[in-house]
Amino acid sequence: MSGSSRAERLAALVAQEGLDQLLVGDLVRLGDSAPDAISSLRWLTGFSGTSGLAIVGADDRLFLTDFRYRERAEREVAAEFERATVERELLAGAARRLRGRVGYDDANTSVKNLRKLQDLVAEGVELVAAGGLVERLRRHKDDDELRAIAEAARLADQVYEWLFERGVVGRTEREIMLDAHQRMRELGADDPSFPAIVAAGENSAVPHHGSSEREVRPGELLLIDMGAIVDGYCSDCTRTVAAGEIHGDPLEVYELVRSAQVIALEAIRAGVAARDADSVARDPIVAAGHGEHFGHGLGHGVGLEVHEAPRLSQKSDQALEVGDVVTVEPGIYLPGRFGVRIEDLVTVTDDGCRNFTSFPKDLRVVA
């Protein structure tokens, strides 16, 4: 990436927070239980394994791993980092290298490991809760990150078209999900971003239904929420289609959600409060009597994880910033009947947003 390296920018932030060093990595189980911490370590160093810790400070660029990942670290970890292989315990290896006021991510540190670290560090080392520092920088995607996300979104668009051309009526939700995953990989994705949500009929009223052995029937709505991973970066998109001709309430609700999403997309730009963006989509849905049926926020950040900062909801106190990548996904869910969600993935710019999702939003009738 151009300009200051990620480690340099993090070191500057560490100094601003009055810290000498920051310990980055999974301090819950040291490698396999804190996806956010593992993603932050990958963002900072390039390491895609699960057992590693990094120490960053004004004069510190150190990456530690164990024997299993030594060769991967040699291949992947950014050249500015000194690499060290710890023969026994990763936490003890890191503790020997800590000095001064050391920040750690309290959201990704177990009480057990914090106590162990306190026992291991040298006298005079002060451990300070400093969660969210890496995540603050991860919000602003650089050109390489945006290219990967754009490609992941393009692959998802292609999978939608492929699925709908094949037809959905008479096929089970699970069959459609598995086909979507396989097609993503055939097109070059690393993996799906998450197990695709394929929800037919009344199941579409469950926002995170998953998939089942239920068959898609003529005359009902089908909701598919999916994304691909390219070079570690996720996409996320939802489309709701008609399995054959539909009439009445589903058509009205679909148009309400579609129009709410359109005006929300028009409102997205740097400086807009995330809460206000949510309100733009929510207000017409509330006015139409469906406020209680829109039970989630308008969207969320996407990057190395499919859910990350910022959050677009009434609970958010954040403003949108240039380089944010967020979903815009209003929905209405009528329990026992049907649900509609339409979701695009965009990046925030000074004067609006750039939409990565190109699959059409006019209600599509699929055989």
Protein backbone atom coordinates (compact mmCIF):
# COMPACT_ATOMS: atom_id res chain seq x y z
CA MET A 1 0.00 0.00 0.00
CA SER A 2 1.12 3.58 -0.56
CA GLY A 3 2.04 6.01 2.20
CA SER A 4 2.82 4.94 5.76
CA SER A 5 2.75 1.22 6.43
CA ARG A 6 0.04 -0.25 8.60
CA ALA A 7 2.56 -0.89 11.37
CA GLU A 8 3.77 2.72 11.20
CA ARG A 9 0.23 4.05 11.46
CA LEU A 10 -0.51 1.73 14.35
CA ALA A 11 2.71 2.73 16.12
CA ALA A 12 1.68 6.39 15.83
CA LEU A 13 -1.72 5.57 17.32
CA VAL A 14 -0.10 3.58 20.11
CA ALA A 15 2.02 6.62 21.00
CA GLN A 16 -1.03 8.90 20.90
CA GLU A 17 -2.69 6.63 23.46
CA GLY A 18 0.29 7.02 25.80
CA LEU A 19 1.50 3.46 25.31
CA ASP A 20 4.98 2.12 24.64
CA GLN A 21 3.82 -1.07 22.92
CA LEU A 22 0.68 -2.84 21.75
CA LEU A 23 0.28 -6.62 21.88
CA VAL A 24 -1.82 -7.80 18.91
CA GLY A 25 -3.39 -11.25 18.55
CA ASP A 26 -5.77 -13.76 20.07
CA LEU A 27 -5.31 -13.74 23.84
CA VAL A 28 -8.35 -15.91 24.49
CA ARG A 29 -6.98 -19.27 23.38
CA LEU A 30 -3.87 -18.02 21.61
CA GLY A 31 -4.94 -18.79 18.10
CA ASP A 32 -8.31 -20.38 17.48
CA SER A 33 -11.14 -18.62 19.27
CA ALA A 34 -11.09 -14.87 18.57
CA PRO A 35 -11.74 -14.22 14.85
CA ASP A 36 -11.59 -10.44 15.28
CA ALA A 37 -8.13 -10.65 16.85
CA ILE A 38 -6.90 -13.08 14.20
CA SER A 39 -8.18 -10.73 11.47
CA SER A 40 -6.41 -7.79 13.10
CA LEU A 41 -3.16 -9.75 13.18
CA ARG A 42 -3.56 -10.59 9.49
CA TRP A 43 -4.34 -6.97 8.60
CA LEU A 44 -1.24 -5.79 10.45
CA THR A 45 1.31 -8.42 9.45
CA GLY A 46 -0.07 -10.42 6.51
CA PHE A 47 -0.01 -13.67 8.52
CA SER A 48 -2.99 -15.90 7.69
CA GLY A 49 -2.35 -18.59 10.31
CA THR A 50 -3.99 -18.82 13.71
CA SER A 51 -1.06 -19.00 16.14
CA GLY A 52 0.79 -15.72 16.30
CA LEU A 53 1.29 -12.51 18.26
CA ALA A 54 2.73 -9.17 17.23
CA ILE A 55 4.30 -6.40 19.28
CA VAL A 56 4.23 -2.88 17.84
CA GLY A 57 5.74 0.29 19.28
CA ALA A 58 7.81 3.25 18.18
CA ASP A 59 10.87 1.02 17.70
CA ASP A 60 9.19 -2.38 17.80
CA ARG A 61 8.03 -4.55 14.92
CA LEU A 62 8.07 -8.12 16.22
CA PHE A 63 6.08 -11.16 15.15
CA LEU A 64 6.09 -14.39 17.16
CA THR A 65 4.74 -17.80 16.22
CA ASP A 66 5.40 -21.44 17.01
CA PHE A 67 7.16 -24.20 15.07
CA ARG A 68 4.01 -25.17 13.14
CA TYR A 69 3.77 -21.79 11.42
CA ARG A 70 7.44 -20.85 11.06
CA GLU A 71 7.60 -21.37 7.30
CA ARG A 72 4.25 -19.67 6.69
CA ALA A 73 5.41 -16.68 8.71
CA GLU A 74 8.56 -16.47 6.60
CA ARG A 75 6.41 -16.34 3.46
CA GLU A 76 3.61 -14.07 4.64
CA VAL A 77 4.69 -11.69 7.39
CA ALA A 78 5.61 -8.18 6.22
CA ALA A 79 9.34 -7.63 5.84
CA GLU A 80 9.43 -4.80 8.39
CA PHE A 81 8.66 -7.30 11.17
CA GLU A 82 11.37 -9.23 12.94
CA ARG A 83 10.21 -12.86 13.08
CA ALA A 84 10.79 -15.14 16.03
CA THR A 85 9.77 -18.74 16.63
CA VAL A 86 8.85 -19.58 20.22
CA GLU A 87 9.80 -23.12 21.19
CA ARG A 88 7.35 -23.54 24.05
CA GLU A 89 4.63 -21.11 25.12
CA LEU A 90 3.70 -18.19 22.85
CA LEU A 91 2.52 -15.99 25.70
CA ALA A 92 5.75 -16.46 27.64
CA GLY A 93 7.77 -15.64 24.54
CA ALA A 94 5.86 -12.41 24.10
CA ALA A 95 6.05 -11.49 27.79
CA ARG A 96 9.86 -11.50 27.71
CA ARG A 97 9.79 -8.80 25.05
CA LEU A 98 7.32 -6.39 26.66
CA ARG A 99 8.37 -3.14 28.30
CA GLY A 100 6.81 0.02 29.70
CA ARG A 101 3.08 0.63 29.26
CA VAL A 102 1.75 -2.18 27.09
CA GLY A 103 -1.71 -2.15 25.57
CA TYR A 104 -3.73 -5.30 24.99
CA ASP A 105 -7.13 -5.89 23.39
CA ASP A 106 -9.38 -6.48 26.39
CA ALA A 107 -12.22 -7.68 24.11
CA ASN A 108 -10.02 -10.56 22.93
CA THR A 109 -8.20 -11.47 26.13
CA SER A 110 -9.36 -14.10 28.62
CA VAL A 111 -9.09 -13.44 32.35
CA LYS A 112 -6.89 -16.53 32.62
CA ASN A 113 -4.39 -15.32 30.03
CA LEU A 114 -4.36 -11.78 31.39
CA ARG A 115 -3.44 -13.10 34.83
CA LYS A 116 -0.80 -15.35 33.29
CA LEU A 117 0.65 -12.43 31.34
CA GLN A 118 0.74 -10.29 34.49
CA ASP A 119 2.74 -13.02 36.21
CA LEU A 120 5.13 -13.40 33.27
CA VAL A 121 6.07 -9.79 32.45
CA ALA A 122 9.10 -8.12 33.98
CA GLU A 123 8.79 -5.84 36.97
CA GLY A 124 7.71 -2.36 35.93
CA VAL A 125 5.67 -3.46 32.91
CA GLU A 126 2.13 -2.05 33.08
CA LEU A 127 -0.61 -3.83 31.13
CA VAL A 128 -3.30 -1.44 29.90
CA ALA A 129 -6.67 -2.32 28.35
CA ALA A 130 -6.55 -0.80 24.85
CA GLY A 131 -9.13 -2.56 22.74
CA GLY A 132 -10.15 -1.29 19.33
CA LEU A 133 -6.93 0.40 18.19
CA VAL A 134 -6.28 -1.90 15.23
CA GLU A 135 -9.98 -1.99 14.38
CA ARG A 136 -9.99 1.81 14.21
CA LEU A 137 -7.42 1.65 11.41
CA ARG A 138 -8.99 -1.37 9.72
CA ARG A 139 -12.12 0.66 8.99
CA HIS A 140 -10.39 2.66 6.27
CA LYS A 141 -9.81 0.30 3.36
CA ASP A 142 -6.88 0.97 1.03
CA ASP A 143 -6.93 0.41 -2.74
CA ASP A 144 -5.78 -3.21 -2.50
CA GLU A 145 -8.48 -4.02 0.03
CA LEU A 146 -11.15 -2.31 -2.07
CA ARG A 147 -10.06 -4.27 -5.15
CA ALA A 148 -10.40 -7.57 -3.29
CA ILE A 149 -13.82 -6.64 -1.91
CA ALA A 150 -15.00 -5.50 -5.34
CA GLU A 151 -13.95 -8.84 -6.84
CA ALA A 152 -15.67 -10.75 -4.04
CA ALA A 153 -18.87 -8.80 -4.72
CA ARG A 154 -18.57 -9.43 -8.46
CA LEU A 155 -18.31 -13.17 -7.87
CA ALA A 156 -21.44 -13.10 -5.70
CA ASP A 157 -23.32 -11.28 -8.48
CA GLN A 158 -22.28 -14.02 -10.90
CA VAL A 159 -23.45 -16.74 -8.54
CA TYR A 160 -26.89 -15.12 -8.22
CA GLU A 161 -27.28 -15.09 -11.98
CA TRP A 162 -26.12 -18.69 -12.28
CA LEU A 163 -28.51 -19.88 -9.56
CA PHE A 164 -31.54 -18.11 -10.98
CA GLU A 165 -30.87 -19.25 -14.53
CA ARG A 166 -30.88 -22.86 -13.27
CA GLY A 167 -34.22 -22.36 -11.51
CA VAL A 168 -35.23 -22.74 -7.87
CA VAL A 169 -38.75 -24.23 -7.73
CA GLY A 170 -38.69 -27.80 -6.42
CA ARG A 171 -35.14 -27.50 -5.09
CA THR A 172 -34.38 -27.48 -1.38
CA GLU A 173 -32.86 -24.52 0.43
CA ARG A 174 -29.88 -26.68 1.32
CA GLU A 175 -29.30 -27.75 -2.29
CA ILE A 176 -29.29 -24.11 -3.39
CA MET A 177 -26.88 -23.19 -0.59
CA LEU A 178 -24.43 -25.96 -1.46
CA ASP A 179 -24.59 -25.09 -5.16
CA ALA A 180 -23.87 -21.44 -4.36
CA HIS A 181 -20.80 -22.38 -2.32
CA GLN A 182 -19.46 -24.70 -5.00
CA ARG A 183 -20.00 -22.15 -7.76
CA MET A 184 -18.18 -19.45 -5.78
CA ARG A 185 -15.13 -21.65 -5.48
CA GLU A 186 -15.29 -22.58 -9.17
CA LEU A 187 -15.25 -18.87 -10.02
CA GLY A 188 -12.14 -18.30 -7.90
CA ALA A 189 -13.34 -17.42 -4.42
CA ASP A 190 -11.27 -18.57 -1.44
CA ASP A 191 -14.49 -19.60 0.31
CA PRO A 192 -17.97 -18.27 1.05
CA SER A 193 -17.96 -15.35 3.51
CA PHE A 194 -20.43 -17.32 5.63
CA PRO A 195 -22.89 -20.21 5.13
CA ALA A 196 -25.36 -18.78 2.64
CA ILE A 197 -28.83 -18.00 3.98
CA VAL A 198 -31.42 -19.56 1.67
CA ALA A 199 -34.92 -18.94 3.01
CA ALA A 200 -38.13 -19.81 1.17
CA GLY A 201 -41.67 -18.71 1.97
CA GLU A 202 -42.28 -18.36 5.70
CA ASN A 203 -38.59 -19.03 6.38
CA SER A 204 -37.72 -15.72 4.73
CA ALA A 205 -39.34 -14.02 7.75
CA VAL A 206 -36.44 -15.31 9.89
CA PRO A 207 -33.57 -12.86 9.21
CA HIS A 208 -30.77 -15.41 9.81
CA HIS A 209 -32.66 -18.58 8.95
CA GLY A 210 -29.76 -20.54 7.43
CA SER A 211 -31.03 -23.32 5.16
CA SER A 212 -33.09 -26.50 5.47
CA GLU A 213 -34.52 -29.40 3.49
CA ARG A 214 -37.64 -27.36 2.69
CA GLU A 215 -38.36 -27.17 -1.03
CA VAL A 216 -39.03 -23.90 -2.82
CA ARG A 217 -42.66 -23.76 -3.93
CA PRO A 218 -44.33 -21.78 -6.72
CA GLY A 219 -45.89 -18.46 -5.73
CA GLU A 220 -43.64 -17.57 -2.79
CA LEU A 221 -40.64 -15.38 -2.05
CA LEU A 222 -37.10 -16.72 -1.82
CA LEU A 223 -34.42 -14.78 0.09
CA ILE A 224 -30.73 -15.53 -0.51
CA ASP A 225 -28.03 -13.78 1.54
CA MET A 226 -24.47 -14.72 0.60
CA GLY A 227 -20.96 -13.49 -0.02
CA ALA A 228 -17.56 -14.62 -1.25
CA ILE A 229 -14.02 -14.27 0.09
CA VAL A 230 -11.23 -13.08 -2.21
CA ASP A 231 -7.68 -12.64 -0.86
CA GLY A 232 -9.12 -12.84 2.64
CA TYR A 233 -11.71 -10.08 2.10
CA CYS A 234 -15.46 -10.65 2.26
CA SER A 235 -18.48 -9.54 0.32
CA ASP A 236 -22.09 -9.62 1.54
CA CYS A 237 -25.26 -9.28 -0.52
CA THR A 238 -28.94 -10.22 -0.27
CA ARG A 239 -31.56 -10.56 -2.96
CA THR A 240 -35.20 -11.58 -2.60
CA VAL A 241 -36.86 -13.06 -5.67
CA ALA A 242 -40.25 -14.48 -6.59
CA ALA A 243 -40.48 -18.21 -7.25
CA GLY A 244 -43.10 -17.88 -9.95
CA GLU A 245 -45.77 -15.19 -9.99
CA ILE A 246 -46.74 -13.56 -6.69
CA HIS A 247 -49.51 -11.11 -5.84
CA GLY A 248 -50.74 -8.79 -3.09
CA ASP A 249 -48.81 -8.04 0.11
CA PRO A 250 -45.45 -9.52 -0.94
CA LEU A 251 -45.32 -7.17 -3.91
CA GLU A 252 -46.17 -4.13 -1.77
CA VAL A 253 -43.63 -5.03 0.90
CA TYR A 254 -40.95 -5.68 -1.70
CA GLU A 255 -41.44 -2.26 -3.25
CA LEU A 256 -41.37 -0.59 0.17
CA VAL A 257 -38.05 -2.23 1.04
CA ARG A 258 -36.59 -1.48 -2.38
CA SER A 259 -37.51 2.20 -2.21
CA ALA A 260 -36.19 2.47 1.37
CA GLN A 261 -32.88 1.02 0.24
CA VAL A 262 -32.63 3.40 -2.71
CA ILE A 263 -33.04 6.50 -0.53
CA ALA A 264 -30.62 5.10 2.05
CA LEU A 265 -27.97 4.61 -0.63
CA GLU A 266 -28.48 8.23 -1.70
CA ALA A 267 -27.88 9.36 1.90
CA ILE A 268 -24.60 7.49 2.41
CA ARG A 269 -21.54 9.77 2.37
CA ALA A 270 -18.63 10.74 4.59
CA GLY A 271 -19.69 12.72 7.65
CA VAL A 272 -23.22 11.33 7.85
CA ALA A 273 -24.04 9.86 11.25
CA ALA A 274 -24.56 6.11 11.02
CA ARG A 275 -27.72 6.59 13.09
CA ASP A 276 -29.08 9.09 10.56
CA ALA A 277 -28.40 6.75 7.64
CA ASP A 278 -30.41 4.10 9.47
CA SER A 279 -33.25 6.58 10.01
CA VAL A 280 -33.47 7.44 6.31
CA ALA A 281 -34.36 3.83 5.52
CA ARG A 282 -36.33 3.18 8.70
CA ASP A 283 -38.67 6.19 8.60
CA PRO A 284 -40.70 5.17 5.51
CA ILE A 285 -40.93 1.60 6.80
CA VAL A 286 -42.24 2.87 10.15
CA ALA A 287 -44.65 5.23 8.36
CA ALA A 288 -46.06 2.27 6.43
CA GLY A 289 -46.81 0.45 9.69
CA HIS A 290 -43.92 -2.01 9.55
CA GLY A 291 -41.56 -0.51 12.13
CA GLU A 292 -41.80 -3.55 14.39
CA HIS A 293 -40.99 -5.77 11.41
CA PHE A 294 -37.61 -4.11 10.76
CA GLY A 295 -35.76 -5.38 13.79
CA HIS A 296 -32.11 -4.97 12.81
CA GLY A 297 -29.86 -2.09 11.85
CA LEU A 298 -29.46 -0.79 8.33
CA GLY A 299 -25.99 -2.27 7.92
CA HIS A 300 -22.52 -3.06 9.17
CA GLY A 301 -18.91 -2.85 8.12
CA VAL A 302 -17.31 -5.57 5.99
CA GLY A 303 -13.66 -6.42 5.40
CA LEU A 304 -11.54 -9.31 6.62
CA GLU A 305 -14.64 -10.20 8.61
CA VAL A 306 -18.18 -10.13 7.32
CA HIS A 307 -19.31 -8.14 10.38
CA GLU A 308 -17.03 -5.36 11.60
CA ALA A 309 -17.09 -1.63 12.32
CA PRO A 310 -18.93 0.61 11.72
CA ARG A 311 -22.51 -0.31 12.63
CA LEU A 312 -25.36 1.52 10.94
CA SER A 313 -28.09 1.47 13.56
CA GLN A 314 -29.99 3.64 16.02
CA LYS A 315 -27.52 2.54 18.71
CA SER A 316 -24.45 3.78 16.83
CA ASP A 317 -22.60 6.95 17.83
CA GLN A 318 -20.22 6.80 14.86
CA ALA A 319 -20.12 8.86 11.67
CA LEU A 320 -19.34 7.37 8.28
CA GLU A 321 -15.81 7.98 7.01
CA VAL A 322 -14.08 7.78 3.64
CA GLY A 323 -12.89 4.22 3.10
CA ASP A 324 -15.58 2.56 5.18
CA VAL A 325 -17.10 -0.48 3.46
CA VAL A 326 -20.65 -1.08 4.69
CA THR A 327 -23.79 -2.99 3.84
CA VAL A 328 -27.09 -1.23 3.20
CA GLU A 329 -29.78 -3.80 3.94
CA PRO A 330 -33.26 -2.76 5.07
CA GLY A 331 -35.73 -5.57 5.59
CA ILE A 332 -39.30 -6.34 6.59
CA TYR A 333 -40.16 -9.68 8.19
CA LEU A 334 -43.74 -10.84 8.75
CA PRO A 335 -43.61 -13.90 11.05
CA GLY A 336 -45.14 -17.03 9.61
CA ARG A 337 -45.68 -15.38 6.23
CA PHE A 338 -42.66 -13.98 4.39
CA GLY A 339 -39.76 -11.58 4.58
CA VAL A 340 -37.95 -9.23 2.22
CA ARG A 341 -34.38 -7.98 2.50
CA ILE A 342 -32.33 -6.20 -0.16
CA GLU A 343 -28.63 -5.70 0.57
CA ASP A 344 -25.86 -3.95 -1.33
CA LEU A 345 -22.21 -3.50 -0.37
CA VAL A 346 -20.75 -0.01 -0.78
CA THR A 347 -17.67 2.01 0.08
CA VAL A 348 -18.09 5.51 1.47
CA THR A 349 -16.70 8.49 -0.45
CA ASP A 350 -16.62 12.24 0.20
CA ASP A 351 -19.68 12.89 -1.93
CA GLY A 352 -21.61 9.62 -1.76
CA CYS A 353 -20.78 5.97 -2.09
CA ARG A 354 -19.51 3.48 -4.65
CA ASN A 355 -21.71 0.40 -4.96
CA PHE A 356 -19.90 -2.92 -5.37
CA THR A 357 -23.15 -4.84 -5.90
CA SER A 358 -24.54 -4.72 -9.42
CA PHE A 359 -27.16 -7.48 -9.45
CA PRO A 360 -30.53 -5.87 -10.34
CA LYS A 361 -33.05 -5.02 -7.63
CA ASP A 362 -36.28 -5.04 -9.63
CA LEU A 363 -38.27 -8.04 -8.39
CA ARG A 364 -37.14 -11.00 -10.44
CA VAL A 365 -39.48 -13.88 -11.21
CA VAL A 366 -37.57 -17.16 -11.23
CA ALA A 367 -38.87 -20.51 -12.43
